[in-house]
Structure formats: C-alpha cells, structure tokens
Amino acid sequence: MNPSTDTSGLRARDVERRLDRAAGSFDQADFVHGVTRDGLLARMRPMTAEATVVLDLGAATGSAVPLLQKRFRRARVVAVDRSASMLRIARSKRGLLSKQREIQADARALPFADASIDVVFSNLMLPWLDSPDAAFTEIARVLRKDGLFAFSTLGPDSLLEIRRAWQAADEATHVKQFPDMHDVGDALVRAGLRDPVLDVDRLAVSYGSSDALFRDLTAVGARNSLRGRQPGLMGRDRLQRFVDSLFAAGTGCSLTLELVYGHCWGAGTHRSGGDVAVDASKIPFRRQ
C-alpha cells in the first residue's frame, strides 16, 4: 500500500511537531516510558554484552542515558531522536564528565557506519513508526555481529478502551493499530537480526476524568497523528459521546497497555551503496 494513501498510517510531520511541543512536559508525564524503561533494563541484566558504543534510539529527553551509562560503564552512549526539542533537553542533563552525545536522526535512516554499534536500546520508539521493518533493517546494518538490540513497544491490545469508545462516537480511526508480537518477531528475522526473544506484560492505567487523560496524552505527544484524522476541530457532541462511553461507569476509566519486550542479536548484515555514514565510536566529545 502506498503510504500516502494509508489512512491508518502516521503523518511524520505531525508526529515530529507533537513531540517537539511535548518536550517540555514529557518528563512529568512519562510514567509509562518509565515502566517500560525499567522493565527493559531488568530483562537486559542477565545478558552478557561488552560495549564501546551504545545507541539509545528514540531517546526522547534522555532519561535512560545515565542508566545505560551505568550498565555499560566503558561505553559512549549516543542519544538519537527525531525531535530536536527532546534532544535539547537531553543535552541539558549531561553531567560534567558525561560521555553522552545527541544526534537528531530518523530510525529508518541512521547516520552510522555498518557494524559500528555494540548495543541498540529502544524504549517505546517503534509505536511512532508506521511499520518497524525499515527501522529494523537499519538496526541490523549498524549493529555489529553479536551486538545486542533490546526494545520495548506496544501490542495490539493497547488502548482498546479508547478505540471502542471512539467507535461509539463516530466511524473515524483515532488510535493506531499496533503490530502483534509474532509480526514483530517476523520483521526482526526479515531484517537479518538473529535469535529474537519476545515477551508480553500488561499495564493498567487509571484516570478519574477525561481532562486528566487528555492532559497526559498531550504531555507526551500522543494525540492523534493518523493520516486519516478528520481535519478541523472536533464537534463538541462527538467528543462528549466519546467521553460518555469511556467513562460510562461514572467512576473513572482503566486503560490497558500491552507491553511487548524483545531482544535479538546482530548477524553482521551490511548494506552496500554510497550512503554517507559515520563510525559512532569516532564521535568526539569534550569536557564541559
């Protein structure tokens, strides 16, 4: 399907604009990212992975960087995100002797040389992409043989309550459909990554009011950025039907998040061509 005609896909400019706007409030509302970040790091604990260069792919404001630096003490951690505003905040958090670096880039076109990365850590970056395939292909390219790719993402049962409430309000699509765990595993293998292991956890998030829900969604940039989103302002009646359906019990609502965790290993996949790339281990850093 042509991405420009796929109404279930995401508008890249809308995503970037929302993330830029959310940068200042992200740390105050990123509790879900905190849960998955800690869950992902816990799953990585038993794994043996020596690292000189670690990518935090989809780093947002860089909250995982010091934890990755602690886990991989000899490594240089490179925070990569598509949002310049997120990376400015990540940069402001650097310690005096930090080895952290920030690079603005799209996960589907990484500016790094083949096999130049030891570990790729990606916490809830994949839900911001239409499909994981292009990102997985790039990760397979930059990851050295036997390098580690560890990630978290959302499964198809995520936000079912919001999806059903909108169905009671109109016929438009308001929530992105997230891929099944098995589809994610297949995409990893297609990209040339090796020995994928995935598991699923669930998280329930409760809200007492629609105001609190919308406030948190806005604060992390997670409002509707689908191509099929209806243009213009939403009518008050339609919004009220959604709220009435979601909060039908009158005592708040509980939202389901299906949390998918995975890891796999680099197989030494390389891409030929004349693309300009840099060896991440050669990125200079200076004391502040």
Protein backbone atom coordinates (compact mmCIF):
# COMPACT_ATOMS: atom_id res chain seq x y z
CA MET A 1 0.00 0.00 0.00
CA ASN A 2 1.21 3.47 -0.86
CA PRO A 3 1.99 5.24 2.48
CA SER A 4 0.37 8.42 1.20
CA THR A 5 -2.99 6.61 0.80
CA ASP A 6 -2.82 4.56 4.00
CA THR A 7 -5.19 6.37 6.37
CA SER A 8 -4.10 4.16 9.29
CA GLY A 9 -0.51 5.36 9.00
CA LEU A 10 1.08 8.31 10.75
CA ARG A 11 1.79 11.79 9.43
CA ALA A 12 5.51 12.18 10.06
CA ARG A 13 5.35 15.98 10.31
CA ASP A 14 2.50 15.79 12.81
CA VAL A 15 4.43 13.30 14.93
CA GLU A 16 7.55 15.46 14.95
CA ARG A 17 5.58 18.62 15.74
CA ARG A 18 3.75 16.96 18.63
CA LEU A 19 6.96 15.53 20.05
CA ASP A 20 8.69 18.92 19.82
CA ARG A 21 5.78 20.57 21.61
CA ALA A 22 5.72 17.85 24.27
CA ALA A 23 9.43 18.06 25.10
CA GLY A 24 8.97 20.47 28.00
CA SER A 25 6.26 18.39 29.68
CA PHE A 26 7.48 14.90 28.77
CA ASP A 27 9.41 14.16 31.95
CA GLN A 28 6.40 14.99 34.12
CA ALA A 29 4.09 12.56 32.26
CA ASP A 30 6.33 9.75 31.02
CA PHE A 31 5.38 7.21 33.69
CA VAL A 32 4.61 4.54 31.06
CA HIS A 33 8.01 5.12 29.47
CA GLY A 34 9.50 4.75 32.94
CA VAL A 35 7.78 1.39 33.46
CA THR A 36 8.97 0.02 30.12
CA ARG A 37 12.45 1.50 30.50
CA ASP A 38 12.91 -0.23 33.86
CA GLY A 39 11.34 -3.45 32.54
CA LEU A 40 13.67 -3.45 29.56
CA LEU A 41 16.77 -2.79 31.65
CA ALA A 42 15.76 -5.59 34.03
CA ARG A 43 15.48 -8.01 31.11
CA MET A 44 18.92 -6.97 29.88
CA ARG A 45 20.56 -7.62 33.25
CA PRO A 46 21.43 -11.31 32.67
CA MET A 47 22.76 -10.67 29.15
CA THR A 48 26.47 -10.51 28.51
CA ALA A 49 27.24 -7.65 26.16
CA GLU A 50 30.51 -5.76 26.07
CA ALA A 51 30.01 -2.33 24.57
CA THR A 52 32.07 0.60 23.35
CA VAL A 53 29.16 2.40 21.66
CA VAL A 54 25.52 2.23 22.78
CA LEU A 55 22.62 3.85 20.92
CA ASP A 56 19.58 5.00 22.84
CA LEU A 57 17.27 5.00 19.82
CA GLY A 58 14.21 7.17 20.36
CA ALA A 59 15.86 8.64 23.43
CA ALA A 60 13.34 11.47 23.95
CA THR A 61 14.70 13.60 26.82
CA GLY A 62 17.44 11.10 27.64
CA SER A 63 16.14 9.63 30.89
CA ALA A 64 17.62 6.22 30.05
CA VAL A 65 21.08 7.54 29.20
CA PRO A 66 22.57 7.62 32.74
CA LEU A 67 21.14 4.15 33.40
CA LEU A 68 22.71 2.84 30.21
CA GLN A 69 25.97 4.53 31.15
CA LYS A 70 25.87 2.75 34.49
CA ARG A 71 25.11 -0.58 32.79
CA PHE A 72 27.85 -0.13 30.18
CA ARG A 73 30.49 1.84 32.07
CA ARG A 74 33.11 1.91 29.32
CA ALA A 75 30.70 2.83 26.55
CA ARG A 76 29.86 6.07 24.84
CA VAL A 77 26.07 6.48 24.86
CA VAL A 78 24.60 8.25 21.84
CA ALA A 79 21.05 9.58 22.29
CA VAL A 80 19.21 9.50 18.94
CA ASP A 81 15.79 11.04 18.41
CA ARG A 82 13.82 12.67 15.59
CA SER A 83 12.82 15.59 17.84
CA ALA A 84 15.34 18.40 18.16
CA SER A 85 13.47 19.79 21.18
CA MET A 86 13.68 16.46 23.02
CA LEU A 87 17.41 16.26 22.35
CA ARG A 88 17.99 19.81 23.63
CA ILE A 89 16.57 18.74 26.98
CA ALA A 90 18.63 15.53 26.90
CA ARG A 91 21.73 17.66 26.26
CA SER A 92 20.93 19.91 29.22
CA LYS A 93 21.05 16.87 31.53
CA ARG A 94 24.63 15.94 30.73
CA GLY A 95 26.97 15.56 33.65
CA LEU A 96 30.36 17.24 33.70
CA LEU A 97 32.23 14.09 32.61
CA SER A 98 29.40 12.55 30.62
CA LYS A 99 30.20 10.50 27.52
CA GLN A 100 26.71 11.17 26.23
CA ARG A 101 26.20 12.57 22.74
CA GLU A 102 22.99 13.57 20.94
CA ILE A 103 22.21 13.10 17.26
CA GLN A 104 18.95 14.03 15.56
CA ALA A 105 18.03 11.27 13.13
CA ASP A 106 15.21 9.07 11.92
CA ALA A 107 15.44 5.42 12.98
CA ARG A 108 14.79 4.45 9.36
CA ALA A 109 17.90 6.28 8.11
CA LEU A 110 20.63 6.12 10.74
CA PRO A 111 23.79 8.17 10.05
CA PHE A 112 26.18 5.47 11.30
CA ALA A 113 28.61 3.16 9.56
CA ASP A 114 27.91 -0.53 9.08
CA ALA A 115 28.61 -2.69 12.13
CA SER A 116 29.70 0.30 14.23
CA ILE A 117 27.29 -0.11 17.17
CA ASP A 118 27.54 -2.62 20.02
CA VAL A 119 24.14 -2.16 21.67
CA VAL A 120 20.90 -0.57 20.46
CA PHE A 121 18.42 0.23 23.24
CA SER A 122 14.99 1.42 22.11
CA ASN A 123 12.24 2.19 24.60
CA LEU A 124 8.78 2.77 23.05
CA MET A 125 10.15 4.23 19.84
CA LEU A 126 8.50 1.73 17.48
CA PRO A 127 4.89 2.88 18.13
CA TRP A 128 5.80 6.17 16.43
CA LEU A 129 6.51 4.38 13.14
CA ASP A 130 4.01 3.10 10.56
CA SER A 131 5.93 -0.17 10.34
CA PRO A 132 9.05 -1.43 12.12
CA ASP A 133 10.61 -3.00 9.00
CA ALA A 134 12.73 -0.07 7.80
CA ALA A 135 14.00 0.66 11.31
CA PHE A 136 14.89 -3.00 11.88
CA THR A 137 16.80 -3.07 8.59
CA GLU A 138 18.83 -0.05 9.68
CA ILE A 139 19.46 -1.50 13.13
CA ALA A 140 20.64 -4.76 11.54
CA ARG A 141 23.00 -2.74 9.34
CA VAL A 142 24.65 -0.64 12.07
CA LEU A 143 24.75 -3.37 14.72
CA ARG A 144 27.97 -5.36 14.86
CA LYS A 145 27.85 -9.14 14.66
CA ASP A 146 26.63 -10.48 18.02
CA GLY A 147 25.69 -6.95 19.10
CA LEU A 148 22.51 -6.60 21.16
CA PHE A 149 19.24 -4.95 20.14
CA ALA A 150 16.80 -4.59 23.07
CA PHE A 151 13.46 -2.85 22.71
CA SER A 152 10.00 -2.28 24.09
CA THR A 153 6.88 -1.47 22.12
CA LEU A 154 3.08 -1.68 22.32
CA GLY A 155 0.96 -4.65 21.29
CA PRO A 156 -2.46 -4.65 19.56
CA ASP A 157 -4.49 -4.76 22.79
CA SER A 158 -3.10 -1.38 23.85
CA LEU A 159 -5.72 1.37 24.34
CA LEU A 160 -8.61 -0.92 23.37
CA GLU A 161 -10.87 1.05 25.68
CA ILE A 162 -10.15 4.30 23.84
CA ARG A 163 -10.61 2.61 20.45
CA ARG A 164 -14.01 1.20 21.47
CA ALA A 165 -15.16 4.48 22.98
CA TRP A 166 -14.40 6.31 19.74
CA GLN A 167 -16.32 3.66 17.79
CA ALA A 168 -19.36 4.68 19.82
CA ALA A 169 -18.79 8.32 18.84
CA ASP A 170 -18.01 8.17 15.10
CA GLU A 171 -16.65 5.98 12.31
CA ALA A 172 -13.21 7.58 12.07
CA THR A 173 -9.94 5.97 13.17
CA HIS A 174 -8.43 7.61 16.24
CA VAL A 175 -5.95 5.02 17.56
CA LYS A 176 -3.05 3.45 15.68
CA GLN A 177 -3.17 -0.32 15.28
CA PHE A 178 -0.02 -1.75 16.86
CA PRO A 179 1.53 -4.94 15.39
CA ASP A 180 1.21 -8.34 17.03
CA MET A 181 4.23 -9.74 18.88
CA HIS A 182 4.61 -12.50 16.28
CA ASP A 183 4.59 -9.96 13.43
CA VAL A 184 7.33 -8.02 15.21
CA GLY A 185 9.40 -11.20 15.54
CA ASP A 186 8.95 -11.98 11.84
CA ALA A 187 10.04 -8.44 10.93
CA LEU A 188 13.22 -8.82 13.01
CA VAL A 189 14.16 -12.01 11.15
CA ARG A 190 13.37 -10.45 7.76
CA ALA A 191 15.72 -7.59 8.59
CA GLY A 192 18.57 -10.03 9.24
CA LEU A 193 18.59 -9.93 13.04
CA ARG A 194 19.21 -13.17 14.88
CA ASP A 195 17.52 -15.22 17.61
CA PRO A 196 14.67 -12.89 18.62
CA VAL A 197 13.07 -13.42 22.01
CA LEU A 198 9.86 -11.57 22.90
CA ASP A 199 7.54 -11.49 25.89
CA VAL A 200 4.41 -9.58 26.84
CA ASP A 201 3.33 -7.81 30.01
CA ARG A 202 0.25 -5.72 30.74
CA LEU A 203 -0.19 -2.41 32.47
CA ALA A 204 -3.46 -0.82 33.58
CA VAL A 205 -3.53 2.97 33.80
CA SER A 206 -6.48 4.58 35.58
CA TYR A 207 -7.94 8.05 35.04
CA GLY A 208 -10.56 9.84 37.06
CA SER A 209 -11.50 12.31 34.34
CA SER A 210 -11.19 12.95 30.63
CA ASP A 211 -9.27 16.17 31.38
CA ALA A 212 -6.53 14.18 33.10
CA LEU A 213 -6.40 11.68 30.23
CA PHE A 214 -6.13 14.34 27.52
CA ARG A 215 -3.57 16.25 29.57
CA ASP A 216 -1.26 13.22 29.81
CA LEU A 217 -1.67 12.28 26.15
CA THR A 218 -0.79 15.83 25.12
CA ALA A 219 2.15 15.99 27.55
CA VAL A 220 3.87 13.02 25.88
CA GLY A 221 2.87 13.94 22.31
CA ALA A 222 0.47 11.01 21.95
CA ARG A 223 -2.51 12.76 20.37
CA ASN A 224 -3.97 11.63 17.05
CA SER A 225 -1.42 11.93 14.21
CA LEU A 226 -3.02 9.43 11.81
CA ARG A 227 -3.27 10.29 8.13
CA GLY A 228 -6.98 9.52 8.26
CA ARG A 229 -7.62 12.00 11.06
CA GLN A 230 -10.52 14.27 10.20
CA PRO A 231 -9.35 17.84 9.53
CA GLY A 232 -10.58 20.78 11.58
CA LEU A 233 -11.92 20.98 15.09
CA MET A 234 -13.87 18.12 16.57
CA GLY A 235 -17.52 18.83 17.31
CA ARG A 236 -18.48 19.10 20.96
CA ASP A 237 -21.23 16.47 20.61
CA ARG A 238 -18.86 13.89 19.13
CA LEU A 239 -16.27 14.47 21.84
CA GLN A 240 -18.94 14.19 24.53
CA ARG A 241 -20.13 10.85 23.11
CA PHE A 242 -16.57 9.57 23.36
CA VAL A 243 -16.16 10.78 26.94
CA ASP A 244 -19.54 9.36 27.99
CA SER A 245 -18.65 5.97 26.52
CA LEU A 246 -15.15 5.82 28.04
CA PHE A 247 -16.31 6.96 31.47
CA ALA A 248 -19.68 5.18 31.35
CA ALA A 249 -19.39 3.78 34.88
CA GLY A 250 -19.05 7.29 36.27
CA THR A 251 -16.08 6.27 38.42
CA GLY A 252 -13.21 6.84 36.05
CA CYS A 253 -11.72 4.51 33.47
CA SER A 254 -8.89 1.99 33.29
CA LEU A 255 -6.82 1.79 30.12
CA THR A 256 -4.97 -1.34 29.04
CA LEU A 257 -1.44 -1.23 27.67
CA GLU A 258 0.01 -4.40 26.17
CA LEU A 259 3.75 -4.04 26.69
CA VAL A 260 5.96 -6.03 24.34
CA TYR A 261 9.62 -6.55 25.24
CA GLY A 262 12.17 -8.10 22.94
CA HIS A 263 15.81 -8.63 22.23
CA CYS A 264 17.86 -10.13 19.43
CA TRP A 265 21.41 -10.17 18.12
CA GLY A 266 23.29 -8.73 15.20
CA ALA A 267 24.17 -11.10 12.38
CA GLY A 268 26.69 -8.91 10.59
CA THR A 269 24.25 -7.68 7.93
CA HIS A 270 25.75 -4.97 5.71
CA ARG A 271 24.27 -2.62 3.17
CA SER A 272 26.20 -1.66 0.07
CA GLY A 273 25.95 1.71 -1.58
CA GLY A 274 27.30 5.21 -1.35
CA ASP A 275 25.46 6.45 1.72
CA VAL A 276 27.37 8.85 3.94
CA ALA A 277 27.79 7.41 7.43
CA VAL A 278 29.97 7.93 10.46
CA ASP A 279 31.58 5.48 12.82
CA ALA A 280 29.80 6.22 16.11
CA SER A 281 32.90 5.27 18.09
CA LYS A 282 34.70 8.20 16.44
CA ILE A 283 32.17 10.84 17.51
CA PRO A 284 34.20 13.30 19.58
CA PHE A 285 33.16 14.56 22.97
CA ARG A 286 34.55 17.25 25.17
CA ARG A 287 34.54 18.04 28.82
CA GLN A 288 32.12 20.83 29.74
